[in-house]
C-alpha atoms as a PDB file:
ATOM      1  CA  MET A   1     -61.701 -95.836  90.001  1.00  0.00           C
ATOM      2  CA  GLY A   2     -65.229 -94.733  89.794  1.00  0.00           C
ATOM      3  CA  ASP A   3     -66.970 -93.352  86.767  1.00  0.00           C
ATOM      4  CA  TRP A   4     -67.031 -89.943  88.175  1.00  0.00           C
ATOM      5  CA  MET A   5     -63.287 -89.856  88.493  1.00  0.00           C
ATOM      6  CA  TRP A   6     -62.827 -90.995  84.995  1.00  0.00           C
ATOM      7  CA  TRP A   7     -65.152 -88.268  83.778  1.00  0.00           C
ATOM      8  CA  ILE A   8     -63.226 -85.666  85.712  1.00  0.00           C
ATOM      9  CA  MET A   9     -60.010 -86.737  84.249  1.00  0.00           C
ATOM     10  CA  THR A  10     -61.341 -86.893  80.740  1.00  0.00           C
ATOM     11  CA  CYS A  11     -62.687 -83.383  81.083  1.00  0.00           C
ATOM     12  CA  GLY A  12     -59.467 -82.176  82.587  1.00  0.00           C
ATOM     13  CA  ILE A  13     -57.303 -83.612  79.842  1.00  0.00           C
ATOM     14  CA  SER A  14     -59.760 -82.113  77.171  1.00  0.00           C
ATOM     15  CA  LEU A  15     -59.629 -78.782  78.910  1.00  0.00           C
ATOM     16  CA  TYR A  16     -55.832 -78.880  78.912  1.00  0.00           C
ATOM     17  CA  PHE A  17     -55.642 -79.606  75.146  1.00  0.00           C
ATOM     18  CA  VAL A  18     -58.238 -76.826  74.454  1.00  0.00           C
ATOM     19  CA  MET A  19     -56.071 -74.401  76.417  1.00  0.00           C
ATOM     20  CA  LEU A  20     -52.962 -75.423  74.543  1.00  0.00           C
ATOM     21  CA  LEU A  21     -54.741 -75.063  71.219  1.00  0.00           C
ATOM     22  CA  LEU A  22     -55.914 -71.554  72.252  1.00  0.00           C
ATOM     23  CA  ASP A  23     -52.466 -70.576  73.302  1.00  0.00           C
ATOM     24  CA  PHE A  24     -51.069 -71.861  69.974  1.00  0.00           C
ATOM     25  CA  ASN A  25     -53.567 -69.753  68.005  1.00  0.00           C
ATOM     26  CA  LYS A  26     -52.892 -66.657  69.794  1.00  0.00           C
ATOM     27  CA  PRO A  27     -49.552 -65.691  68.003  1.00  0.00           C
ATOM     28  CA  SER A  28     -51.085 -66.857  64.705  1.00  0.00           C
ATOM     29  CA  LYS A  29     -54.082 -64.422  65.081  1.00  0.00           C
ATOM     30  CA  LYS A  30     -51.674 -61.584  66.054  1.00  0.00           C
ATOM     31  CA  LEU A  31     -49.549 -62.315  63.033  1.00  0.00           C
ATOM     32  CA  MET A  32     -52.610 -62.331  60.839  1.00  0.00           C
ATOM     33  CA  ASP A  33     -53.744 -58.982  62.242  1.00  0.00           C
ATOM     34  CA  GLN A  34     -50.277 -57.561  61.378  1.00  0.00           C
ATOM     35  CA  ILE A  35     -50.485 -58.956  57.849  1.00  0.00           C
ATOM     36  CA  ASP A  36     -53.963 -57.458  57.425  1.00  0.00           C
ATOM     37  CA  SER A  37     -52.726 -54.150  58.678  1.00  0.00           C
ATOM     38  CA  GLN A  38     -49.700 -54.161  56.259  1.00  0.00           C
ATOM     39  CA  GLU A  39     -51.942 -55.082  53.459  1.00  0.00           C
ATOM     40  CA  GLN A  40     -54.204 -52.150  54.236  1.00  0.00           C
ATOM     41  CA  ARG A  41     -51.222 -49.789  54.251  1.00  0.00           C
ATOM     42  CA  ARG A  42     -50.060 -51.266  50.968  1.00  0.00           C
ATOM     43  CA  ARG A  43     -53.425 -50.567  49.357  1.00  0.00           C
ATOM     44  CA  GLU A  44     -53.437 -46.989  50.753  1.00  0.00           C
ATOM     45  CA  MET A  45     -49.900 -46.440  49.379  1.00  0.00           C
ATOM     46  CA  GLU A  46     -51.022 -47.835  45.941  1.00  0.00           C
ATOM     47  CA  LEU A  47     -53.866 -45.365  45.986  1.00  0.00           C
ATOM     48  CA  ARG A  48     -51.665 -42.474  46.827  1.00  0.00           C
ATOM     49  CA  GLN A  49     -49.159 -43.454  44.185  1.00  0.00           C
ATOM     50  CA  THR A  50     -51.831 -43.694  41.553  1.00  0.00           C
ATOM     51  CA  LYS A  51     -53.067 -40.214  42.607  1.00  0.00           C
ATOM     52  CA  LEU A  52     -49.651 -38.827  42.481  1.00  0.00           C
ATOM     53  CA  GLN A  53     -49.053 -40.286  39.039  1.00  0.00           C
ATOM     54  CA  ASP A  54     -52.362 -38.765  37.933  1.00  0.00           C
ATOM     55  CA  ASP A  55     -51.293 -35.408  39.372  1.00  0.00           C
ATOM     56  CA  VAL A  56     -47.931 -35.684  37.647  1.00  0.00           C
ATOM     57  CA  VAL A  57     -49.584 -36.300  34.283  1.00  0.00           C
ATOM     58  CA  GLN A  58     -51.979 -33.349  34.890  1.00  0.00           C
ATOM     59  CA  ILE A  59     -49.030 -31.074  35.846  1.00  0.00           C
ATOM     60  CA  LYS A  60     -47.095 -32.154  32.890  1.00  0.00           C
ATOM     61  CA  SER A  61     -49.947 -31.481  30.655  1.00  0.00           C
ATOM     62  CA  ARG A  62     -50.532 -28.086  32.212  1.00  0.00           C
ATOM     63  CA  SER A  63     -46.791 -27.341  31.924  1.00  0.00           C
ATOM     64  CA  GLU A  64     -46.932 -28.266  28.238  1.00  0.00           C
ATOM     65  CA  ASP A  65     -49.916 -25.948  27.712  1.00  0.00           C
ATOM     66  CA  ILE A  66     -48.067 -23.069  29.574  1.00  0.00           C
ATOM     67  CA  ASP A  67     -44.989 -23.656  27.408  1.00  0.00           C
ATOM     68  CA  LEU A  68     -47.059 -23.457  24.243  1.00  0.00           C
ATOM     69  CA  GLN A  69     -48.737 -20.263  25.581  1.00  0.00           C
ATOM     70  CA  MET A  70     -45.346 -18.821  26.375  1.00  0.00           C
ATOM     71  CA  GLU A  71     -44.071 -19.601  22.928  1.00  0.00           C
ATOM     72  CA  ASP A  72     -47.133 -17.968  21.327  1.00  0.00           C
ATOM     73  CA  LEU A  73     -46.628 -14.891  23.504  1.00  0.00           C
ATOM     74  CA  GLU A  74     -42.970 -14.656  22.649  1.00  0.00           C
ATOM     75  CA  GLN A  75     -43.755 -14.941  18.842  1.00  0.00           C
ATOM     76  CA  ARG A  76     -46.419 -12.257  19.256  1.00  0.00           C
ATOM     77  CA  ARG A  77     -43.914 -10.164  21.077  1.00  0.00           C
ATOM     78  CA  LYS A  78     -41.423 -10.561  18.223  1.00  0.00           C
ATOM     79  CA  ASP A  79     -44.049  -9.753  15.668  1.00  0.00           C
ATOM     80  CA  LEU A  80     -45.059  -6.588  17.530  1.00  0.00           C
ATOM     81  CA  LEU A  81     -41.276  -5.630  17.881  1.00  0.00           C
ATOM     82  CA  GLN A  82     -40.790  -6.138  14.221  1.00  0.00           C
ATOM     83  CA  ASP A  83     -43.734  -3.769  13.472  1.00  0.00           C
ATOM     84  CA  ALA A  84     -42.306  -1.270  15.965  1.00  0.00           C
ATOM     85  CA  ASN A  85     -38.870  -1.547  14.419  1.00  0.00           C
ATOM     86  CA  LYS A  86     -40.262  -0.790  10.996  1.00  0.00           C
ATOM     87  CA  ARG A  87     -42.006   2.357  12.381  1.00  0.00           C
ATOM     88  CA  ARG A  88     -39.000   3.487  14.197  1.00  0.00           C
ATOM     89  CA  MET A  89     -36.284   2.716  11.504  1.00  0.00           C
ATOM     90  CA  ILE A  90     -35.373   4.201   8.060  1.00  0.00           C
ATOM     91  CA  HIS A  91     -34.855   1.777   5.183  1.00  0.00           C
ATOM     92  CA  ILE A  92     -31.542   2.190   3.312  1.00  0.00           C
ATOM     93  CA  GLU A  93     -31.639   0.843  -0.170  1.00  0.00           C
ATOM     94  CA  VAL A  94     -28.994  -1.543  -1.537  1.00  0.00           C
ATOM     95  CA  GLY A  95     -26.197   0.245  -3.221  1.00  0.00           C
ATOM     96  CA  GLN A  96     -22.613   1.567  -3.256  1.00  0.00           C
ATOM     97  CA  PHE A  97     -21.142   4.578  -1.375  1.00  0.00           C
ATOM     98  CA  THR A  98     -17.597   5.787  -0.629  1.00  0.00           C
ATOM     99  CA  MET A  99     -16.321   4.967   2.752  1.00  0.00           C
ATOM    100  CA  GLY A 100     -13.377   6.850   4.293  1.00  0.00           C
ATOM    101  CA  SER A 101     -11.838  10.211   3.796  1.00  0.00           C
ATOM    102  CA  ARG A 102     -10.083  11.777   0.730  1.00  0.00           C
ATOM    103  CA  GLN A 103      -8.738  14.704   2.806  1.00  0.00           C
ATOM    104  CA  GLU A 104      -4.947  14.619   3.094  1.00  0.00           C
ATOM    105  CA  ASP A 105      -5.042  15.844   6.713  1.00  0.00           C
ATOM    106  CA  SER A 106      -7.414  13.129   7.900  1.00  0.00           C
ATOM    107  CA  PRO A 107      -6.061  10.385  10.105  1.00  0.00           C
ATOM    108  CA  ASP A 108      -4.696   7.267   8.588  1.00  0.00           C
ATOM    109  CA  SER A 109      -7.478   5.283  10.150  1.00  0.00           C
ATOM    110  CA  GLU A 110      -9.915   7.022   7.831  1.00  0.00           C
ATOM    111  CA  ARG A 111      -7.921   6.214   4.661  1.00  0.00           C
ATOM    112  CA  PRO A 112      -7.998   5.327   1.979  1.00  0.00           C
ATOM    113  CA  ALA A 113     -11.408   6.325   0.706  1.00  0.00           C
ATOM    114  CA  HIS A 114     -12.822   3.251  -1.016  1.00  0.00           C
ATOM    115  CA  PRO A 115     -16.057   2.146  -2.682  1.00  0.00           C
ATOM    116  CA  VAL A 116     -18.301  -0.116  -0.430  1.00  0.00           C
ATOM    117  CA  GLN A 117     -21.370  -2.139  -1.731  1.00  0.00           C
ATOM    118  CA  LEU A 118     -23.976  -2.631   1.014  1.00  0.00           C
ATOM    119  CA  SER A 119     -27.113  -4.844   0.994  1.00  0.00           C
ATOM    120  CA  ALA A 120     -30.412  -3.049   1.924  1.00  0.00           C
ATOM    121  CA  TYR A 121     -30.845  -2.513   5.722  1.00  0.00           C
ATOM    122  CA  TYR A 122     -32.873  -0.688   8.245  1.00  0.00           C
ATOM    123  CA  ILE A 123     -31.386   1.755  10.802  1.00  0.00           C
ATOM    124  CA  ASP A 124     -32.911   3.762  13.662  1.00  0.00           C
ATOM    125  CA  ALA A 125     -33.977   7.320  12.820  1.00  0.00           C
ATOM    126  CA  TYR A 126     -32.850   8.401  16.352  1.00  0.00           C
ATOM    127  CA  PRO A 127     -30.313   7.027  18.981  1.00  0.00           C
ATOM    128  CA  VAL A 128     -31.892   4.979  21.736  1.00  0.00           C
ATOM    129  CA  THR A 129     -33.204   7.304  24.416  1.00  0.00           C
ATOM    130  CA  ASN A 130     -33.388   7.027  28.089  1.00  0.00           C
ATOM    131  CA  GLN A 131     -37.099   6.441  27.781  1.00  0.00           C
ATOM    132  CA  ASP A 132     -36.541   3.585  25.413  1.00  0.00           C
ATOM    133  CA  TYR A 133     -33.933   1.956  27.579  1.00  0.00           C
ATOM    134  CA  ARG A 134     -36.059   2.362  30.762  1.00  0.00           C
ATOM    135  CA  GLU A 135     -38.777   0.126  29.091  1.00  0.00           C
ATOM    136  CA  PHE A 136     -36.084  -2.565  28.500  1.00  0.00           C
ATOM    137  CA  VAL A 137     -34.802  -2.310  32.152  1.00  0.00           C
ATOM    138  CA  ASN A 138     -38.337  -2.574  33.585  1.00  0.00           C
ATOM    139  CA  CYS A 139     -39.363  -5.456  31.462  1.00  0.00           C
ATOM    140  CA  VAL A 140     -36.398  -7.745  31.961  1.00  0.00           C
ATOM    141  CA  GLY A 141     -34.893  -6.366  35.212  1.00  0.00           C
ATOM    142  CA  TYR A 142     -31.623  -5.417  33.541  1.00  0.00           C
ATOM    143  CA  LYS A 143     -29.148  -3.227  35.377  1.00  0.00           C
ATOM    144  CA  THR A 144     -29.501   0.517  34.990  1.00  0.00           C
ATOM    145  CA  PRO A 145     -26.765   2.907  33.924  1.00  0.00           C
ATOM    146  CA  ILE A 146     -24.577   3.997  36.802  1.00  0.00           C
ATOM    147  CA  HIS A 147     -25.954   7.531  36.954  1.00  0.00           C
ATOM    148  CA  TRP A 148     -29.605   6.550  37.134  1.00  0.00           C
ATOM    149  CA  GLN A 149     -31.335   6.617  40.542  1.00  0.00           C
ATOM    150  CA  ARG A 150     -33.987   4.182  41.677  1.00  0.00           C
ATOM    151  CA  GLY A 151     -34.367   2.720  38.224  1.00  0.00           C
ATOM    152  CA  ASN A 152     -34.956   6.068  36.467  1.00  0.00           C
ATOM    153  CA  PRO A 153     -32.816   8.431  34.364  1.00  0.00           C
ATOM    154  CA  PRO A 154     -32.255  11.957  35.543  1.00  0.00           C
ATOM    155  CA  MET A 155     -35.467  14.038  35.509  1.00  0.00           C
ATOM    156  CA  GLY A 156     -36.196  15.767  32.265  1.00  0.00           C
ATOM    157  CA  LEU A 157     -33.863  13.607  30.141  1.00  0.00           C
ATOM    158  CA  ALA A 158     -36.350  11.072  28.807  1.00  0.00           C
ATOM    159  CA  ARG A 159     -35.618  12.066  25.129  1.00  0.00           C
ATOM    160  CA  HIS A 160     -31.900  12.334  25.594  1.00  0.00           C
ATOM    161  CA  PRO A 161     -29.759   9.512  24.296  1.00  0.00           C
ATOM    162  CA  VAL A 162     -29.025   6.798  26.879  1.00  0.00           C
ATOM    163  CA  VAL A 163     -25.388   6.855  27.954  1.00  0.00           C
ATOM    164  CA  ASN A 164     -23.148   5.040  30.395  1.00  0.00           C
ATOM    165  CA  VAL A 165     -24.010   1.781  28.497  1.00  0.00           C
ATOM    166  CA  SER A 166     -21.284  -0.669  27.442  1.00  0.00           C
ATOM    167  CA  TRP A 167     -21.278  -2.323  24.141  1.00  0.00           C
ATOM    168  CA  GLN A 168     -22.469  -5.479  25.848  1.00  0.00           C
ATOM    169  CA  ASP A 169     -25.340  -3.498  27.414  1.00  0.00           C
ATOM    170  CA  ALA A 170     -26.268  -2.140  23.863  1.00  0.00           C
ATOM    171  CA  LYS A 171     -26.171  -5.684  22.449  1.00  0.00           C
ATOM    172  CA  ALA A 172     -28.452  -6.968  25.221  1.00  0.00           C
ATOM    173  CA  TYR A 173     -30.932  -4.262  24.332  1.00  0.00           C
ATOM    174  CA  ALA A 174     -30.660  -5.021  20.700  1.00  0.00           C
ATOM    175  CA  ASP A 175     -31.313  -8.690  21.218  1.00  0.00           C
ATOM    176  CA  TRP A 176     -34.408  -7.896  23.359  1.00  0.00           C
ATOM    177  CA  MET A 177     -35.619  -5.735  20.527  1.00  0.00           C
ATOM    178  CA  GLY A 178     -35.124  -8.310  17.875  1.00  0.00           C
ATOM    179  CA  ALA A 179     -32.543  -6.138  16.230  1.00  0.00           C
ATOM    180  CA  ARG A 180     -28.739  -5.572  16.190  1.00  0.00           C
ATOM    181  CA  LEU A 181     -26.030  -2.903  16.230  1.00  0.00           C
ATOM    182  CA  PRO A 182     -25.249  -1.350  12.854  1.00  0.00           C
ATOM    183  CA  THR A 183     -21.912  -2.244  11.289  1.00  0.00           C
ATOM    184  CA  GLU A 184     -19.439   0.577  10.864  1.00  0.00           C
ATOM    185  CA  ALA A 185     -20.075   0.670   7.131  1.00  0.00           C
ATOM    186  CA  GLU A 186     -23.882   0.771   7.607  1.00  0.00           C
ATOM    187  CA  TRP A 187     -23.536   3.661  10.101  1.00  0.00           C
ATOM    188  CA  GLU A 188     -21.279   5.704   7.741  1.00  0.00           C
ATOM    189  CA  LYS A 189     -23.517   5.295   4.837  1.00  0.00           C
ATOM    190  CA  ALA A 190     -26.628   6.294   6.816  1.00  0.00           C
ATOM    191  CA  SER A 191     -24.732   9.382   8.082  1.00  0.00           C
ATOM    192  CA  ARG A 192     -23.102  10.649   4.751  1.00  0.00           C
ATOM    193  CA  GLY A 193     -25.266   9.203   1.997  1.00  0.00           C
ATOM    194  CA  PRO A 194     -24.067   8.479  -1.507  1.00  0.00           C
ATOM    195  CA  ASP A 195     -22.429  11.848  -2.216  1.00  0.00           C
ATOM    196  CA  GLU A 196     -19.432  11.713   0.157  1.00  0.00           C
ATOM    197  CA  ARG A 197     -20.618  14.478   2.643  1.00  0.00           C
ATOM    198  CA  LEU A 198     -18.261  15.563   5.410  1.00  0.00           C
ATOM    199  CA  TYR A 199     -21.266  16.204   7.727  1.00  0.00           C
ATOM    200  CA  PRO A 200     -24.742  14.725   7.514  1.00  0.00           C
ATOM    201  CA  TRP A 201     -26.087  18.032   6.237  1.00  0.00           C
ATOM    202  CA  GLY A 202     -23.358  18.857   3.726  1.00  0.00           C
ATOM    203  CA  ASN A 203     -19.666  19.695   3.404  1.00  0.00           C
ATOM    204  CA  ARG A 204     -19.507  22.838   5.483  1.00  0.00           C
ATOM    205  CA  PHE A 205     -19.528  22.778   9.319  1.00  0.00           C
ATOM    206  CA  VAL A 206     -22.473  24.735  10.792  1.00  0.00           C
ATOM    207  CA  ASP A 207     -22.590  25.237  14.644  1.00  0.00           C
ATOM    208  CA  ASP A 208     -26.321  25.064  14.972  1.00  0.00           C
ATOM    209  CA  ARG A 209     -26.767  21.753  13.146  1.00  0.00           C
ATOM    210  CA  CYS A 210     -25.211  19.411  15.811  1.00  0.00           C
ATOM    211  CA  ASN A 211     -24.320  19.273  19.507  1.00  0.00           C
ATOM    212  CA  SER A 212     -20.546  19.593  19.516  1.00  0.00           C
ATOM    213  CA  LEU A 213     -17.835  21.583  21.289  1.00  0.00           C
ATOM    214  CA  ASN A 214     -19.540  25.024  20.740  1.00  0.00           C
ATOM    215  CA  SER A 215     -22.902  23.885  22.295  1.00  0.00           C
ATOM    216  CA  ILE A 216     -23.924  23.526  25.915  1.00  0.00           C
ATOM    217  CA  GLY A 217     -21.469  20.867  27.005  1.00  0.00           C
ATOM    218  CA  THR A 218     -23.959  17.989  27.761  1.00  0.00           C
ATOM    219  CA  THR A 219     -26.400  15.803  25.917  1.00  0.00           C
ATOM    220  CA  LEU A 220     -29.527  17.278  24.260  1.00  0.00           C
ATOM    221  CA  PRO A 221     -32.755  15.567  23.012  1.00  0.00           C
ATOM    222  CA  VAL A 222     -32.248  13.330  20.030  1.00  0.00           C
ATOM    223  CA  ASP A 223     -34.630  15.428  17.910  1.00  0.00           C
ATOM    224  CA  GLU A 224     -33.030  18.791  18.638  1.00  0.00           C
ATOM    225  CA  TYR A 225     -31.413  19.392  15.307  1.00  0.00           C
ATOM    226  CA  ALA A 226     -33.876  19.075  12.437  1.00  0.00           C
ATOM    227  CA  LEU A 227     -31.333  20.768  10.092  1.00  0.00           C
ATOM    228  CA  GLY A 228     -28.688  18.268  10.993  1.00  0.00           C
ATOM    229  CA  ARG A 229     -30.344  15.243   9.431  1.00  0.00           C
ATOM    230  CA  SER A 230     -28.604  13.085   7.084  1.00  0.00           C
ATOM    231  CA  PRO A 231     -29.548  12.525   3.452  1.00  0.00           C
ATOM    232  CA  TYR A 232     -31.678   9.676   4.630  1.00  0.00           C
ATOM    233  CA  ASN A 233     -33.548  11.782   7.141  1.00  0.00           C
ATOM    234  CA  ILE A 234     -31.724  10.303   9.981  1.00  0.00           C
ATOM    235  CA  TRP A 235     -31.178  12.408  13.118  1.00  0.00           C
ATOM    236  CA  ASP A 236     -28.278  13.056  15.488  1.00  0.00           C
ATOM    237  CA  MET A 237     -25.468  11.321  13.657  1.00  0.00           C
ATOM    238  CA  SER A 238     -23.021  14.206  14.323  1.00  0.00           C
ATOM    239  CA  GLY A 239     -22.160  15.060  17.889  1.00  0.00           C
ATOM    240  CA  ASN A 240     -24.404  14.651  20.954  1.00  0.00           C
ATOM    241  CA  VAL A 241     -23.079  11.096  21.809  1.00  0.00           C
ATOM    242  CA  TYR A 242     -20.764   8.575  20.182  1.00  0.00           C
ATOM    243  CA  GLU A 243     -22.535   5.440  19.038  1.00  0.00           C
ATOM    244  CA  TRP A 244     -21.492   1.784  19.397  1.00  0.00           C
ATOM    245  CA  CYS A 245     -21.073  -0.212  16.178  1.00  0.00           C
ATOM    246  CA  GLU A 246     -21.035  -3.899  15.807  1.00  0.00           C
ATOM    247  CA  ASP A 247     -17.436  -4.116  14.425  1.00  0.00           C
ATOM    248  CA  TYR A 248     -14.199  -4.734  16.333  1.00  0.00           C
ATOM    249  CA  TRP A 249     -11.735  -2.029  16.000  1.00  0.00           C
ATOM    250  CA  ASP A 250      -8.645  -1.995  13.725  1.00  0.00           C
ATOM    251  CA  GLU A 251      -6.965   1.297  12.889  1.00  0.00           C
ATOM    252  CA  ALA A 252      -5.741  -0.136   9.574  1.00  0.00           C
ATOM    253  CA  TYR A 253      -8.907  -2.054   8.589  1.00  0.00           C
ATOM    254  CA  TYR A 254      -9.485   0.072   5.463  1.00  0.00           C
ATOM    255  CA  GLN A 255      -6.279  -1.348   4.054  1.00  0.00           C
ATOM    256  CA  PHE A 256      -7.742  -4.808   3.675  1.00  0.00           C
ATOM    257  CA  SER A 257     -11.435  -4.551   4.204  1.00  0.00           C
ATOM    258  CA  PRO A 258     -13.811  -6.238   1.799  1.00  0.00           C
ATOM    259  CA  SER A 259     -15.721  -4.067  -0.754  1.00  0.00           C
ATOM    260  CA  THR A 260     -19.011  -5.831  -0.098  1.00  0.00           C
ATOM    261  CA  ASN A 261     -20.775  -5.749   3.266  1.00  0.00           C
ATOM    262  CA  PRO A 262     -17.683  -5.393   5.493  1.00  0.00           C
ATOM    263  CA  LYS A 263     -18.319  -6.331   9.079  1.00  0.00           C
ATOM    264  CA  GLY A 264     -15.009  -5.440  10.659  1.00  0.00           C
ATOM    265  CA  PRO A 265     -12.030  -7.591  11.863  1.00  0.00           C
ATOM    266  CA  GLU A 266     -12.844 -11.102  13.316  1.00  0.00           C
ATOM    267  CA  GLY A 267     -11.585 -10.133  16.690  1.00  0.00           C
ATOM    268  CA  GLY A 268      -9.956  -7.340  18.677  1.00  0.00           C
ATOM    269  CA  GLN A 269      -9.736  -5.582  21.992  1.00  0.00           C
ATOM    270  CA  GLU A 270     -12.167  -2.704  21.396  1.00  0.00           C
ATOM    271  CA  ARG A 271     -15.249  -1.852  19.433  1.00  0.00           C
ATOM    272  CA  VAL A 272     -15.875   0.925  16.931  1.00  0.00           C
ATOM    273  CA  ILE A 273     -17.698   4.049  18.020  1.00  0.00           C
ATOM    274  CA  ARG A 274     -18.897   6.695  15.576  1.00  0.00           C
ATOM    275  CA  GLY A 275     -20.333  10.249  15.449  1.00  0.00           C
ATOM    276  CA  GLY A 276     -18.443  12.223  18.023  1.00  0.00           C
ATOM    277  CA  PHE A 277     -19.996  13.691  21.279  1.00  0.00           C
ATOM    278  CA  PHE A 278     -21.041  17.026  22.660  1.00  0.00           C
ATOM    279  CA  GLY A 279     -17.420  17.962  23.581  1.00  0.00           C
ATOM    280  CA  GLU A 280     -15.749  17.186  20.233  1.00  0.00           C
ATOM    281  CA  THR A 281     -14.307  19.589  17.617  1.00  0.00           C
ATOM    282  CA  ARG A 282     -15.702  19.902  14.099  1.00  0.00           C
ATOM    283  CA  ALA A 283     -13.079  17.457  12.910  1.00  0.00           C
ATOM    284  CA  ASN A 284     -14.329  14.692  15.134  1.00  0.00           C
ATOM    285  CA  VAL A 285     -17.924  14.996  14.244  1.00  0.00           C
ATOM    286  CA  ARG A 286     -17.347  14.386  10.536  1.00  0.00           C
ATOM    287  CA  THR A 287     -19.066  11.445   8.959  1.00  0.00           C
ATOM    288  CA  THR A 288     -15.791   9.611   8.357  1.00  0.00           C
ATOM    289  CA  HIS A 289     -14.293  10.149  11.930  1.00  0.00           C
ATOM    290  CA  ARG A 290     -13.485   6.834  13.558  1.00  0.00           C
ATOM    291  CA  ASN A 291     -12.943   5.969  17.259  1.00  0.00           C
ATOM    292  CA  SER A 292     -12.962   2.986  19.619  1.00  0.00           C
ATOM    293  CA  SER A 293     -13.587   1.969  23.197  1.00  0.00           C
ATOM    294  CA  PRO A 294     -13.366  -1.291  25.138  1.00  0.00           C
ATOM    295  CA  GLU A 295     -16.680  -3.176  24.840  1.00  0.00           C
ATOM    296  CA  THR A 296     -17.060  -3.408  28.615  1.00  0.00           C
ATOM    297  CA  HIS A 297     -16.458   0.234  29.177  1.00  0.00           C
ATOM    298  CA  THR A 298     -19.231   2.701  29.981  1.00  0.00           C
ATOM    299  CA  ARG A 299     -18.968   6.506  29.347  1.00  0.00           C
ATOM    300  CA  GLU A 300     -21.295   9.454  29.562  1.00  0.00           C
ATOM    301  CA  THR A 301     -20.282  10.197  25.965  1.00  0.00           C
ATOM    302  CA  ILE A 302     -21.313   6.881  24.357  1.00  0.00           C
ATOM    303  CA  GLY A 303     -24.798   5.722  23.384  1.00  0.00           C
ATOM    304  CA  PHE A 304     -26.147   3.669  20.428  1.00  0.00           C
ATOM    305  CA  ARG A 305     -28.783   3.147  17.822  1.00  0.00           C
ATOM    306  CA  LEU A 306     -30.191  -0.092  16.266  1.00  0.00           C
ATOM    307  CA  ALA A 307     -30.252  -1.686  12.794  1.00  0.00           C
ATOM    308  CA  HIS A 308     -31.909  -4.570  11.142  1.00  0.00           C
ATOM    309  CA  ASP A 309     -31.485  -6.678   8.048  1.00  0.00           C
ATOM    310  CA  SER A 310     -33.909  -5.787   5.378  1.00  0.00           C
ATOM    311  CA  ASP A 311     -34.735  -9.445   4.465  1.00  0.00           C
ATOM    312  CA  ASP A 312     -35.986 -10.056   8.020  1.00  0.00           C
ATOM    313  CA  MET A 313     -38.317  -7.119   8.249  1.00  0.00           C
END
């Protein structure tokens, strides 16, 4: 075999092994490319994760700032409401009064007349009006009384007492105002004073001092009867509309009620209402007259006013 043949064979064999080596490296390079690609994606995901974590930290920080601002605003709202309550309410000093009726013809639910000692408290000078209640409805989106239209009370009745509100509705409004409903004892003391008046203005019924049976047959503005004010200068506690009290109803409650700060029975089916309404007789607009209604019921004859503990004002 000549040298040239040997050389050709050697070159051929070398070329063959080179081709094998190249073929062997092809999948390895492809695999490495895939590994590089996955590594790149991993780094990108890590960057995204880091950014998301930073965003979460920022959002949490902003959320905490917003929470603090909301707490501050809520506290400021409560402070403003407290100031508004002071301006709107009358302060009743600590002291004793006679609760219940001494009249022989009065219902059993009003007897016996008995002394009651009450801590100092505040109570609204007027019942809650349609105008007052509309502000509450607009602020919190609360349901409106059934006779309102498009979120508004009947035209011209802004200063009339709000009606068609249940005890639960009245309680919701009181909570929003940072106040509460008066107890039955607080209501009666504010109405009759310390001298056992039969009516807020005195012991003789007078037609033109309250909105009752002999009036126009519907509600009137809460400041209509200046001469019908109670000894504490509180308006509209006789006639116009009944008013929800905090207490559960018990016809025989006076038989066992405590002599200091009574708050009514622990439970019951109905709540106390006081004051009579525009269609009541003179007997039912007396300061001692008691009545009741289920707390879920709404009537065009029932409204409410607010009270507040003296220590918290």
